[in-house]
N, C-alpha and C. Protein backbone atom coordinates (compact mmCIF):
# COMPACT_ATOMS: atom_id res chain seq x y z
N UNK A 1 26.21 -125.83 -64.79
CA UNK A 1 26.19 -126.47 -66.08
C UNK A 1 26.22 -127.99 -65.94
N UNK A 2 26.88 -128.47 -64.90
CA UNK A 2 26.91 -129.91 -64.68
C UNK A 2 25.53 -130.49 -64.45
N UNK A 3 24.70 -129.74 -63.73
CA UNK A 3 23.33 -130.19 -63.48
C UNK A 3 22.52 -130.24 -64.78
N UNK A 4 22.69 -129.23 -65.63
CA UNK A 4 22.01 -129.24 -66.93
C UNK A 4 22.49 -130.41 -67.78
N UNK A 5 23.78 -130.70 -67.71
CA UNK A 5 24.33 -131.82 -68.48
C UNK A 5 23.74 -133.14 -67.98
N UNK A 6 23.61 -133.27 -66.67
CA UNK A 6 23.03 -134.50 -66.14
C UNK A 6 21.56 -134.62 -66.54
N UNK A 7 20.84 -133.52 -66.49
CA UNK A 7 19.42 -133.53 -66.91
C UNK A 7 19.31 -133.91 -68.39
N UNK A 8 20.21 -133.39 -69.21
CA UNK A 8 20.24 -133.71 -70.63
C UNK A 8 20.42 -135.21 -70.84
N UNK A 9 21.34 -135.79 -70.11
CA UNK A 9 21.59 -137.23 -70.22
C UNK A 9 20.38 -138.02 -69.70
N UNK A 10 19.83 -137.59 -68.58
CA UNK A 10 18.74 -138.33 -67.93
C UNK A 10 17.44 -138.29 -68.72
N UNK A 11 17.27 -137.32 -69.59
CA UNK A 11 16.03 -137.22 -70.38
C UNK A 11 15.91 -138.31 -71.44
N UNK A 12 16.97 -139.00 -71.72
CA UNK A 12 16.95 -140.00 -72.78
C UNK A 12 17.44 -141.33 -72.22
N UNK A 13 16.63 -142.36 -72.39
CA UNK A 13 16.97 -143.68 -71.83
C UNK A 13 18.28 -144.24 -72.33
N UNK A 14 18.56 -144.10 -73.62
CA UNK A 14 19.81 -144.62 -74.17
C UNK A 14 21.01 -143.85 -73.64
N UNK A 15 20.87 -142.52 -73.57
CA UNK A 15 21.97 -141.72 -73.00
C UNK A 15 22.23 -142.11 -71.55
N UNK A 16 21.14 -142.29 -70.81
CA UNK A 16 21.28 -142.66 -69.40
C UNK A 16 21.99 -144.00 -69.25
N UNK A 17 21.55 -144.97 -70.03
CA UNK A 17 22.15 -146.30 -69.97
C UNK A 17 23.64 -146.24 -70.32
N UNK A 18 23.99 -145.49 -71.35
CA UNK A 18 25.39 -145.37 -71.76
C UNK A 18 26.22 -144.69 -70.66
N UNK A 19 25.66 -143.64 -70.05
CA UNK A 19 26.36 -142.94 -68.98
C UNK A 19 26.59 -143.87 -67.79
N UNK A 20 25.55 -144.58 -67.39
CA UNK A 20 25.68 -145.48 -66.24
C UNK A 20 26.70 -146.58 -66.52
N UNK A 21 26.66 -147.12 -67.72
CA UNK A 21 27.62 -148.17 -68.10
C UNK A 21 29.05 -147.62 -68.06
N UNK A 22 29.26 -146.43 -68.62
CA UNK A 22 30.60 -145.84 -68.68
C UNK A 22 31.11 -145.44 -67.30
N UNK A 23 30.20 -144.99 -66.45
CA UNK A 23 30.62 -144.50 -65.13
C UNK A 23 30.70 -145.61 -64.08
N UNK A 24 30.03 -146.72 -64.37
CA UNK A 24 30.00 -147.81 -63.40
C UNK A 24 29.00 -147.60 -62.28
N UNK A 25 28.15 -146.60 -62.42
CA UNK A 25 27.13 -146.32 -61.41
C UNK A 25 25.92 -147.21 -61.67
N UNK A 26 25.43 -147.84 -60.62
CA UNK A 26 24.23 -148.67 -60.74
C UNK A 26 23.00 -147.76 -60.73
N UNK A 27 21.97 -148.11 -61.50
CA UNK A 27 20.77 -147.27 -61.55
C UNK A 27 20.19 -146.94 -60.18
N UNK A 28 20.24 -147.91 -59.27
CA UNK A 28 19.66 -147.68 -57.95
C UNK A 28 20.52 -146.79 -57.05
N UNK A 29 21.74 -146.46 -57.48
CA UNK A 29 22.60 -145.62 -56.65
C UNK A 29 22.88 -144.25 -57.29
N UNK A 30 22.17 -143.91 -58.35
CA UNK A 30 22.41 -142.63 -59.03
C UNK A 30 22.20 -141.45 -58.08
N UNK A 31 21.11 -141.47 -57.36
CA UNK A 31 20.84 -140.34 -56.45
C UNK A 31 21.94 -140.17 -55.42
N UNK A 32 22.41 -141.28 -54.89
CA UNK A 32 23.50 -141.23 -53.91
C UNK A 32 24.79 -140.71 -54.57
N UNK A 33 25.08 -141.22 -55.75
CA UNK A 33 26.29 -140.79 -56.47
C UNK A 33 26.23 -139.30 -56.81
N UNK A 34 25.04 -138.82 -57.12
CA UNK A 34 24.88 -137.40 -57.50
C UNK A 34 25.20 -136.46 -56.35
N UNK A 35 25.22 -136.97 -55.13
CA UNK A 35 25.55 -136.16 -53.96
C UNK A 35 27.06 -135.99 -53.76
N UNK A 36 27.83 -136.81 -54.45
CA UNK A 36 29.29 -136.77 -54.30
C UNK A 36 29.86 -135.50 -54.94
N UNK A 37 30.89 -134.91 -54.34
CA UNK A 37 31.44 -133.66 -54.84
C UNK A 37 31.91 -133.69 -56.30
N UNK A 38 32.45 -134.79 -56.78
CA UNK A 38 32.98 -134.83 -58.13
C UNK A 38 32.00 -135.27 -59.20
N UNK A 39 30.75 -135.53 -58.81
CA UNK A 39 29.79 -136.11 -59.74
C UNK A 39 29.53 -135.21 -60.96
N UNK A 40 29.21 -133.95 -60.74
CA UNK A 40 28.86 -133.07 -61.86
C UNK A 40 30.05 -132.84 -62.79
N UNK A 41 31.24 -132.76 -62.23
CA UNK A 41 32.43 -132.66 -63.06
C UNK A 41 32.62 -133.91 -63.91
N UNK A 42 32.30 -135.06 -63.33
CA UNK A 42 32.40 -136.32 -64.06
C UNK A 42 31.38 -136.38 -65.19
N UNK A 43 30.21 -135.81 -64.96
CA UNK A 43 29.18 -135.76 -66.02
C UNK A 43 29.70 -134.94 -67.19
N UNK A 44 30.28 -133.78 -66.90
CA UNK A 44 30.83 -132.95 -67.97
C UNK A 44 31.99 -133.66 -68.67
N UNK A 45 32.81 -134.34 -67.92
CA UNK A 45 33.91 -135.09 -68.51
C UNK A 45 33.38 -136.17 -69.47
N UNK A 46 32.32 -136.83 -69.07
CA UNK A 46 31.68 -137.83 -69.92
C UNK A 46 31.24 -137.21 -71.24
N UNK A 47 30.59 -136.05 -71.17
CA UNK A 47 30.16 -135.37 -72.40
C UNK A 47 31.35 -134.99 -73.27
N UNK A 48 32.40 -134.53 -72.64
CA UNK A 48 33.58 -134.10 -73.40
C UNK A 48 34.26 -135.26 -74.13
N UNK A 49 34.05 -136.47 -73.67
CA UNK A 49 34.65 -137.65 -74.33
C UNK A 49 33.84 -138.15 -75.51
N UNK A 50 32.61 -137.65 -75.66
CA UNK A 50 31.73 -138.09 -76.75
C UNK A 50 31.36 -136.86 -77.58
N UNK A 51 32.13 -136.62 -78.65
CA UNK A 51 31.97 -135.39 -79.42
C UNK A 51 30.55 -135.21 -79.97
N UNK A 52 29.97 -136.27 -80.48
CA UNK A 52 28.61 -136.15 -81.04
C UNK A 52 27.62 -135.73 -79.95
N UNK A 53 27.70 -136.37 -78.80
CA UNK A 53 26.81 -136.05 -77.69
C UNK A 53 27.09 -134.64 -77.19
N UNK A 54 28.36 -134.28 -77.10
CA UNK A 54 28.76 -132.95 -76.69
C UNK A 54 28.15 -131.88 -77.59
N UNK A 55 28.23 -132.09 -78.88
CA UNK A 55 27.71 -131.10 -79.82
C UNK A 55 26.19 -130.95 -79.72
N UNK A 56 25.49 -132.07 -79.52
CA UNK A 56 24.03 -132.00 -79.34
C UNK A 56 23.70 -131.22 -78.08
N UNK A 57 24.40 -131.52 -76.99
CA UNK A 57 24.17 -130.81 -75.72
C UNK A 57 24.45 -129.32 -75.88
N UNK A 58 25.57 -128.97 -76.46
CA UNK A 58 25.94 -127.57 -76.60
C UNK A 58 24.98 -126.82 -77.52
N UNK A 59 24.52 -127.48 -78.55
CA UNK A 59 23.53 -126.84 -79.43
C UNK A 59 22.23 -126.60 -78.67
N UNK A 60 21.81 -127.59 -77.92
CA UNK A 60 20.58 -127.46 -77.14
C UNK A 60 20.69 -126.36 -76.10
N UNK A 61 21.86 -126.25 -75.48
CA UNK A 61 22.09 -125.24 -74.43
C UNK A 61 22.54 -123.89 -75.00
N UNK A 62 22.86 -123.90 -76.29
CA UNK A 62 23.37 -122.70 -76.98
C UNK A 62 24.63 -122.16 -76.31
N UNK A 63 25.58 -123.09 -76.14
CA UNK A 63 26.87 -122.71 -75.57
C UNK A 63 27.99 -123.21 -76.48
N UNK A 64 29.15 -122.62 -76.31
CA UNK A 64 30.35 -123.00 -77.06
C UNK A 64 30.94 -124.25 -76.41
N UNK A 65 31.18 -125.31 -77.19
CA UNK A 65 31.77 -126.53 -76.61
C UNK A 65 33.07 -126.28 -75.86
N UNK A 66 33.87 -125.33 -76.31
CA UNK A 66 35.14 -125.05 -75.64
C UNK A 66 34.89 -124.56 -74.21
N UNK A 67 33.81 -123.84 -74.01
CA UNK A 67 33.49 -123.35 -72.67
C UNK A 67 33.16 -124.46 -71.70
N UNK A 68 32.65 -125.56 -72.21
CA UNK A 68 32.30 -126.68 -71.34
C UNK A 68 33.54 -127.31 -70.72
N UNK A 69 34.61 -127.33 -71.46
CA UNK A 69 35.87 -127.87 -70.93
C UNK A 69 36.36 -127.02 -69.76
N UNK A 70 36.24 -125.73 -69.88
CA UNK A 70 36.65 -124.82 -68.79
C UNK A 70 35.78 -125.07 -67.56
N UNK A 71 34.48 -125.22 -67.77
CA UNK A 71 33.57 -125.47 -66.65
C UNK A 71 33.88 -126.80 -65.98
N UNK A 72 34.21 -127.80 -66.77
CA UNK A 72 34.54 -129.11 -66.20
C UNK A 72 35.77 -129.02 -65.32
N UNK A 73 36.78 -128.30 -65.76
CA UNK A 73 38.00 -128.16 -64.95
C UNK A 73 37.71 -127.42 -63.65
N UNK A 74 36.85 -126.42 -63.70
CA UNK A 74 36.48 -125.68 -62.48
C UNK A 74 35.75 -126.59 -61.50
N UNK A 75 34.79 -127.36 -62.00
CA UNK A 75 34.07 -128.28 -61.11
C UNK A 75 35.01 -129.31 -60.51
N UNK A 76 35.92 -129.79 -61.32
CA UNK A 76 36.90 -130.78 -60.83
C UNK A 76 37.75 -130.17 -59.72
N UNK A 77 38.21 -128.95 -59.91
CA UNK A 77 39.03 -128.28 -58.89
C UNK A 77 38.23 -128.04 -57.62
N UNK A 78 36.98 -127.64 -57.76
CA UNK A 78 36.13 -127.41 -56.60
C UNK A 78 35.87 -128.70 -55.83
N UNK A 79 35.72 -129.80 -56.54
CA UNK A 79 35.44 -131.07 -55.85
C UNK A 79 36.64 -131.53 -55.04
N UNK A 80 37.84 -131.15 -55.46
CA UNK A 80 39.04 -131.54 -54.71
C UNK A 80 39.20 -130.70 -53.45
N UNK A 81 38.61 -129.52 -53.45
CA UNK A 81 38.66 -128.65 -52.26
C UNK A 81 37.63 -129.05 -51.24
N UNK A 82 36.57 -129.73 -51.68
CA UNK A 82 35.46 -130.09 -50.77
C UNK A 82 35.85 -131.16 -49.79
């Protein structure tokens, strides 16, 4: 789900710019950052902090927003084990 969330953000220039600004990732280092264990969990965390964006994503993916929080916690836990 983290990968779908990142693709959702990356499809829109304004979403991408906002994500990069909030995360502190430089555009030229996105690919490198995406290889880091905690990256996808951080993408989900970003969505969870923006309710309007979260609702658009969940509607597009046809998922319950509450389920995204559970997925984010799982990804976060997995990244700490890596």
